[in-house]
PDB file of N, CA and C in Angstrom:
ATOM      1  N   MET A   1       0.833  -1.176   0.000  1.00  0.00           N
ATOM      2  CA  MET A   1       0.000   0.000   0.000  1.00  0.00           C
ATOM      3  C   MET A   1       0.884   1.248   0.000  1.00  0.00           C
ATOM      4  N   GLN A   2       0.511   2.219  -0.804  1.00  0.00           N
ATOM      5  CA  GLN A   2       1.311   3.438  -0.886  1.00  0.00           C
ATOM      6  C   GLN A   2       1.057   4.337   0.319  1.00  0.00           C
ATOM      7  N   LYS A   3       2.057   5.153   0.660  1.00  0.00           N
ATOM      8  CA  LYS A   3       1.941   6.050   1.806  1.00  0.00           C
ATOM      9  C   LYS A   3       0.905   7.141   1.556  1.00  0.00           C
ATOM     10  N   GLU A   4       0.868   7.674   0.347  1.00  0.00           N
ATOM     11  CA  GLU A   4      -0.059   8.742  -0.005  1.00  0.00           C
ATOM     12  C   GLU A   4      -1.108   8.207  -0.979  1.00  0.00           C
ATOM     13  N   PRO A   5      -2.373   8.632  -0.845  1.00  0.00           N
ATOM     14  CA  PRO A   5      -3.392   8.182  -1.799  1.00  0.00           C
ATOM     15  C   PRO A   5      -3.133   8.759  -3.187  1.00  0.00           C
ATOM     16  N   PHE A   6      -3.599   8.046  -4.193  1.00  0.00           N
ATOM     17  CA  PHE A   6      -3.460   8.498  -5.577  1.00  0.00           C
ATOM     18  C   PHE A   6      -4.215   9.805  -5.755  1.00  0.00           C
ATOM     19  N   ASP A   7      -3.594  10.773  -6.379  1.00  0.00           N
ATOM     20  CA  ASP A   7      -4.197  12.087  -6.589  1.00  0.00           C
ATOM     21  C   ASP A   7      -4.545  12.246  -8.068  1.00  0.00           C
ATOM     22  N   LEU A   8      -5.794  11.915  -8.421  1.00  0.00           N
ATOM     23  CA  LEU A   8      -6.232  11.993  -9.806  1.00  0.00           C
ATOM     24  C   LEU A   8      -6.185  13.430 -10.318  1.00  0.00           C
ATOM     25  N   GLY A   9      -6.529  14.382  -9.470  1.00  0.00           N
ATOM     26  CA  GLY A   9      -6.506  15.790  -9.874  1.00  0.00           C
ATOM     27  C   GLY A   9      -5.126  16.226 -10.332  1.00  0.00           C
ATOM     28  N   ALA A  10      -4.103  15.821  -9.596  1.00  0.00           N
ATOM     29  CA  ALA A  10      -2.729  16.164  -9.976  1.00  0.00           C
ATOM     30  C   ALA A  10      -2.363  15.528 -11.311  1.00  0.00           C
ATOM     31  N   GLU A  11      -2.849  14.314 -11.546  1.00  0.00           N
ATOM     32  CA  GLU A  11      -2.577  13.638 -12.820  1.00  0.00           C
ATOM     33  C   GLU A  11      -3.269  14.356 -13.978  1.00  0.00           C
ATOM     34  N   LEU A  12      -4.528  14.736 -13.781  1.00  0.00           N
ATOM     35  CA  LEU A  12      -5.291  15.375 -14.852  1.00  0.00           C
ATOM     36  C   LEU A  12      -4.804  16.781 -15.180  1.00  0.00           C
ATOM     37  N   PHE A  13      -4.472  17.552 -14.142  1.00  0.00           N
ATOM     38  CA  PHE A  13      -4.068  18.940 -14.355  1.00  0.00           C
ATOM     39  C   PHE A  13      -2.556  19.117 -14.444  1.00  0.00           C
ATOM     40  N   GLY A  14      -1.802  18.085 -14.112  1.00  0.00           N
ATOM     41  CA  GLY A  14      -0.352  18.149 -14.221  1.00  0.00           C
ATOM     42  C   GLY A  14       0.328  18.970 -13.140  1.00  0.00           C
ATOM     43  N   THR A  15      -0.365  19.195 -12.024  1.00  0.00           N
ATOM     44  CA  THR A  15       0.215  19.963 -10.931  1.00  0.00           C
ATOM     45  C   THR A  15      -0.425  19.560  -9.610  1.00  0.00           C
ATOM     46  N   LEU A  16       0.331  19.625  -8.531  1.00  0.00           N
ATOM     47  CA  LEU A  16      -0.213  19.347  -7.204  1.00  0.00           C
ATOM     48  C   LEU A  16      -1.121  20.479  -6.737  1.00  0.00           C
ATOM     49  N   GLU A  17      -1.042  21.617  -7.403  1.00  0.00           N
ATOM     50  CA  GLU A  17      -1.863  22.785  -7.055  1.00  0.00           C
ATOM     51  C   GLU A  17      -3.182  22.795  -7.821  1.00  0.00           C
ATOM     52  N   TRP A  18      -3.641  21.640  -8.257  1.00  0.00           N
ATOM     53  CA  TRP A  18      -4.833  21.549  -9.103  1.00  0.00           C
ATOM     54  C   TRP A  18      -6.100  22.037  -8.419  1.00  0.00           C
ATOM     55  N   LYS A  19      -6.150  21.999  -7.095  1.00  0.00           N
ATOM     56  CA  LYS A  19      -7.375  22.403  -6.400  1.00  0.00           C
ATOM     57  C   LYS A  19      -7.671  23.892  -6.547  1.00  0.00           C
ATOM     58  N   SER A  20      -6.668  24.694  -6.847  1.00  0.00           N
ATOM     59  CA  SER A  20      -6.925  26.116  -7.077  1.00  0.00           C
ATOM     60  C   SER A  20      -7.359  26.373  -8.523  1.00  0.00           C
ATOM     61  N   ILE A  21      -7.121  25.417  -9.407  1.00  0.00           N
ATOM     62  CA  ILE A  21      -7.489  25.539 -10.819  1.00  0.00           C
ATOM     63  C   ILE A  21      -8.872  24.952 -11.090  1.00  0.00           C
ATOM     64  N   ALA A  22      -9.191  23.812 -10.487  1.00  0.00           N
ATOM     65  CA  ALA A  22     -10.405  23.048 -10.790  1.00  0.00           C
ATOM     66  C   ALA A  22     -11.712  23.826 -10.650  1.00  0.00           C
ATOM     67  N   PRO A  23     -11.898  24.616  -9.597  1.00  0.00           N
ATOM     68  CA  PRO A  23     -13.202  25.284  -9.443  1.00  0.00           C
ATOM     69  C   PRO A  23     -13.525  26.274 -10.556  1.00  0.00           C
ATOM     70  N   GLN A  24     -12.528  26.688 -11.301  1.00  0.00           N
ATOM     71  CA  GLN A  24     -12.730  27.669 -12.365  1.00  0.00           C
ATOM     72  C   GLN A  24     -13.226  27.028 -13.662  1.00  0.00           C
ATOM     73  N   HIS A  25     -13.198  25.713 -13.755  1.00  0.00           N
ATOM     74  CA  HIS A  25     -13.618  24.995 -14.955  1.00  0.00           C
ATOM     75  C   HIS A  25     -14.968  24.332 -14.708  1.00  0.00           C
ATOM     76  N   LEU A  26     -15.941  24.604 -15.567  1.00  0.00           N
ATOM     77  CA  LEU A  26     -17.285  24.060 -15.374  1.00  0.00           C
ATOM     78  C   LEU A  26     -17.303  22.538 -15.372  1.00  0.00           C
ATOM     79  N   ILE A  27     -16.498  21.920 -16.213  1.00  0.00           N
ATOM     80  CA  ILE A  27     -16.488  20.464 -16.315  1.00  0.00           C
ATOM     81  C   ILE A  27     -15.987  19.823 -15.026  1.00  0.00           C
ATOM     82  N   THR A  28     -15.012  20.419 -14.391  1.00  0.00           N
ATOM     83  CA  THR A  28     -14.422  19.817 -13.198  1.00  0.00           C
ATOM     84  C   THR A  28     -15.019  20.334 -11.893  1.00  0.00           C
ATOM     85  N   LYS A  29     -15.944  21.256 -11.969  1.00  0.00           N
ATOM     86  CA  LYS A  29     -16.509  21.835 -10.754  1.00  0.00           C
ATOM     87  C   LYS A  29     -17.173  20.778  -9.868  1.00  0.00           C
ATOM     88  N   ARG A  30     -17.959  19.896 -10.456  1.00  0.00           N
ATOM     89  CA  ARG A  30     -18.616  18.848  -9.668  1.00  0.00           C
ATOM     90  C   ARG A  30     -17.603  17.876  -9.084  1.00  0.00           C
ATOM     91  N   ILE A  31     -16.598  17.525  -9.856  1.00  0.00           N
ATOM     92  CA  ILE A  31     -15.564  16.613  -9.361  1.00  0.00           C
ATOM     93  C   ILE A  31     -14.820  17.244  -8.186  1.00  0.00           C
ATOM     94  N   PHE A  32     -14.528  18.524  -8.282  1.00  0.00           N
ATOM     95  CA  PHE A  32     -13.855  19.255  -7.210  1.00  0.00           C
ATOM     96  C   PHE A  32     -14.677  19.184  -5.921  1.00  0.00           C
ATOM     97  N   HIS A  33     -15.983  19.438  -6.028  1.00  0.00           N
ATOM     98  CA  HIS A  33     -16.837  19.406  -4.843  1.00  0.00           C
ATOM     99  C   HIS A  33     -16.968  17.983  -4.293  1.00  0.00           C
ATOM    100  N   LEU A  34     -17.079  17.011  -5.164  1.00  0.00           N
ATOM    101  CA  LEU A  34     -17.158  15.620  -4.730  1.00  0.00           C
ATOM    102  C   LEU A  34     -15.871  15.202  -4.017  1.00  0.00           C
ATOM    103  N   ASP A  35     -14.731  15.636  -4.521  1.00  0.00           N
ATOM    104  CA  ASP A  35     -13.451  15.334  -3.882  1.00  0.00           C
ATOM    105  C   ASP A  35     -13.402  15.921  -2.470  1.00  0.00           C
ATOM    106  N   ASN A  36     -13.893  17.135  -2.310  1.00  0.00           N
ATOM    107  CA  ASN A  36     -13.922  17.750  -0.975  1.00  0.00           C
ATOM    108  C   ASN A  36     -14.808  16.955  -0.017  1.00  0.00           C
ATOM    109  N   ILE A  37     -15.964  16.489  -0.511  1.00  0.00           N
ATOM    110  CA  ILE A  37     -16.872  15.703   0.323  1.00  0.00           C
ATOM    111  C   ILE A  37     -16.207  14.389   0.738  1.00  0.00           C
ATOM    112  N   VAL A  38     -15.585  13.712  -0.223  1.00  0.00           N
ATOM    113  CA  VAL A  38     -14.910  12.441   0.066  1.00  0.00           C
ATOM    114  C   VAL A  38     -13.799  12.647   1.090  1.00  0.00           C
ATOM    115  N   ASN A  39     -13.022  13.704   0.938  1.00  0.00           N
ATOM    116  CA  ASN A  39     -11.939  13.984   1.884  1.00  0.00           C
ATOM    117  C   ASN A  39     -12.475  14.243   3.289  1.00  0.00           C
ATOM    118  N   GLN A  40     -13.566  14.989   3.402  1.00  0.00           N
ATOM    119  CA  GLN A  40     -14.147  15.269   4.716  1.00  0.00           C
ATOM    120  C   GLN A  40     -14.683  14.001   5.370  1.00  0.00           C
ATOM    121  N   ILE A  41     -15.355  13.156   4.581  1.00  0.00           N
ATOM    122  CA  ILE A  41     -15.870  11.889   5.127  1.00  0.00           C
ATOM    123  C   ILE A  41     -14.712  11.011   5.583  1.00  0.00           C
ATOM    124  N   SER A  42     -13.674  10.922   4.760  1.00  0.00           N
ATOM    125  CA  SER A  42     -12.516  10.092   5.096  1.00  0.00           C
ATOM    126  C   SER A  42     -11.837  10.557   6.384  1.00  0.00           C
ATOM    127  N   LYS A  43     -11.709  11.868   6.555  1.00  0.00           N
ATOM    128  CA  LYS A  43     -11.089  12.408   7.765  1.00  0.00           C
ATOM    129  C   LYS A  43     -11.962  12.164   8.994  1.00  0.00           C
ATOM    130  N   THR A  44     -13.270  12.299   8.809  1.00  0.00           N
ATOM    131  CA  THR A  44     -14.202  12.184   9.933  1.00  0.00           C
ATOM    132  C   THR A  44     -14.289  10.771  10.480  1.00  0.00           C
ATOM    133  N   ILE A  45     -14.316   9.777   9.585  1.00  0.00           N
ATOM    134  CA  ILE A  45     -14.501   8.406  10.065  1.00  0.00           C
ATOM    135  C   ILE A  45     -13.319   7.489   9.749  1.00  0.00           C
ATOM    136  N   SER A  46     -12.175   8.029   9.414  1.00  0.00           N
ATOM    137  CA  SER A  46     -10.925   7.280   9.213  1.00  0.00           C
ATOM    138  C   SER A  46     -11.085   6.079   8.271  1.00  0.00           C
ATOM    139  N   LEU A  47     -11.436   6.349   7.045  1.00  0.00           N
ATOM    140  CA  LEU A  47     -11.604   5.293   6.048  1.00  0.00           C
ATOM    141  C   LEU A  47     -10.294   4.948   5.362  1.00  0.00           C
ATOM    142  N   ASP A  48     -10.175   3.692   4.949  1.00  0.00           N
ATOM    143  CA  ASP A  48      -9.062   3.293   4.101  1.00  0.00           C
ATOM    144  C   ASP A  48      -9.405   3.506   2.630  1.00  0.00           C
ATOM    145  N   TRP A  49     -10.702   3.380   2.306  1.00  0.00           N
ATOM    146  CA  TRP A  49     -11.139   3.513   0.921  1.00  0.00           C
ATOM    147  C   TRP A  49     -12.614   3.875   0.914  1.00  0.00           C
ATOM    148  N   LEU A  50     -13.026   4.681  -0.034  1.00  0.00           N
ATOM    149  CA  LEU A  50     -14.425   5.056  -0.174  1.00  0.00           C
ATOM    150  C   LEU A  50     -14.774   5.061  -1.648  1.00  0.00           C
ATOM    151  N   GLY A  51     -15.825   4.354  -2.023  1.00  0.00           N
ATOM    152  CA  GLY A  51     -16.272   4.323  -3.407  1.00  0.00           C
ATOM    153  C   GLY A  51     -17.614   5.000  -3.543  1.00  0.00           C
ATOM    154  N   ILE A  52     -17.762   5.843  -4.544  1.00  0.00           N
ATOM    155  CA  ILE A  52     -19.026   6.508  -4.829  1.00  0.00           C
ATOM    156  C   ILE A  52     -19.441   6.086  -6.229  1.00  0.00           C
ATOM    157  N   TYR A  53     -20.627   5.516  -6.312  1.00  0.00           N
ATOM    158  CA  TYR A  53     -21.122   4.983  -7.570  1.00  0.00           C
ATOM    159  C   TYR A  53     -22.370   5.726  -8.018  1.00  0.00           C
ATOM    160  N   LYS A  54     -22.585   5.744  -9.320  1.00  0.00           N
ATOM    161  CA  LYS A  54     -23.817   6.267  -9.880  1.00  0.00           C
ATOM    162  C   LYS A  54     -24.431   5.171 -10.735  1.00  0.00           C
ATOM    163  N   LYS A  55     -25.685   4.862 -10.459  1.00  0.00           N
ATOM    164  CA  LYS A  55     -26.376   3.835 -11.226  1.00  0.00           C
ATOM    165  C   LYS A  55     -27.011   4.482 -12.453  1.00  0.00           C
ATOM    166  N   ILE A  56     -26.737   3.918 -13.631  1.00  0.00           N
ATOM    167  CA  ILE A  56     -27.314   4.423 -14.867  1.00  0.00           C
ATOM    168  C   ILE A  56     -27.972   3.274 -15.625  1.00  0.00           C
ATOM    169  N   GLU A  57     -28.848   3.616 -16.550  1.00  0.00           N
ATOM    170  CA  GLU A  57     -29.509   2.613 -17.375  1.00  0.00           C
ATOM    171  C   GLU A  57     -29.259   2.938 -18.841  1.00  0.00           C
ATOM    172  N   ILE A  58     -28.795   1.932 -19.586  1.00  0.00           N
ATOM    173  CA  ILE A  58     -28.545   2.072 -21.020  1.00  0.00           C
ATOM    174  C   ILE A  58     -29.242   0.913 -21.715  1.00  0.00           C
ATOM    175  N   GLU A  59     -30.173   1.246 -22.584  1.00  0.00           N
ATOM    176  CA  GLU A  59     -30.917   0.243 -23.343  1.00  0.00           C
ATOM    177  C   GLU A  59     -31.498  -0.844 -22.445  1.00  0.00           C
ATOM    178  N   GLY A  60     -32.074  -0.428 -21.318  1.00  0.00           N
ATOM    179  CA  GLY A  60     -32.725  -1.367 -20.417  1.00  0.00           C
ATOM    180  C   GLY A  60     -31.805  -2.123 -19.474  1.00  0.00           C
ATOM    181  N   LYS A  61     -30.504  -1.911 -19.575  1.00  0.00           N
ATOM    182  CA  LYS A  61     -29.554  -2.588 -18.686  1.00  0.00           C
ATOM    183  C   LYS A  61     -28.986  -1.586 -17.690  1.00  0.00           C
ATOM    184  N   GLU A  62     -28.865  -2.025 -16.434  1.00  0.00           N
ATOM    185  CA  GLU A  62     -28.330  -1.149 -15.390  1.00  0.00           C
ATOM    186  C   GLU A  62     -26.831  -1.326 -15.241  1.00  0.00           C
ATOM    187  N   PHE A  63     -26.144  -0.209 -15.043  1.00  0.00           N
ATOM    188  CA  PHE A  63     -24.703  -0.198 -14.841  1.00  0.00           C
ATOM    189  C   PHE A  63     -24.387   0.701 -13.662  1.00  0.00           C
ATOM    190  N   ALA A  64     -23.268   0.460 -13.015  1.00  0.00           N
ATOM    191  CA  ALA A  64     -22.798   1.313 -11.924  1.00  0.00           C
ATOM    192  C   ALA A  64     -21.477   1.936 -12.345  1.00  0.00           C
ATOM    193  N   LEU A  65     -21.410   3.256 -12.323  1.00  0.00           N
ATOM    194  CA  LEU A  65     -20.174   3.961 -12.646  1.00  0.00           C
ATOM    195  C   LEU A  65     -19.465   4.332 -11.353  1.00  0.00           C
ATOM    196  N   LEU A  66     -18.201   3.997 -11.242  1.00  0.00           N
ATOM    197  CA  LEU A  66     -17.408   4.331 -10.053  1.00  0.00           C
ATOM    198  C   LEU A  66     -16.837   5.724 -10.212  1.00  0.00           C
ATOM    199  N   TYR A  67     -17.114   6.600  -9.255  1.00  0.00           N
ATOM    200  CA  TYR A  67     -16.561   7.942  -9.258  1.00  0.00           C
ATOM    201  C   TYR A  67     -15.227   7.983  -8.526  1.00  0.00           C
ATOM    202  N   PHE A  68     -15.173   7.368  -7.354  1.00  0.00           N
ATOM    203  CA  PHE A  68     -13.944   7.386  -6.555  1.00  0.00           C
ATOM    204  C   PHE A  68     -13.735   6.025  -5.977  1.00  0.00           C
TER     205      PHE A  68
END
């Protein structure tokens, strides 16, 4: 297990300072807010991992998309 959790934002934006950039982009605004919520939940209840899924339906079949 790695010492630090994987930082998708840093990978996508190419900088560790991505949190100051993300809120300014409409596409990433929801992801930025979701990341803040996940971080607060993780700090509050000391989680090792947290997955957030969205259930969608395509042509009558249900799928779950993993957000985090």
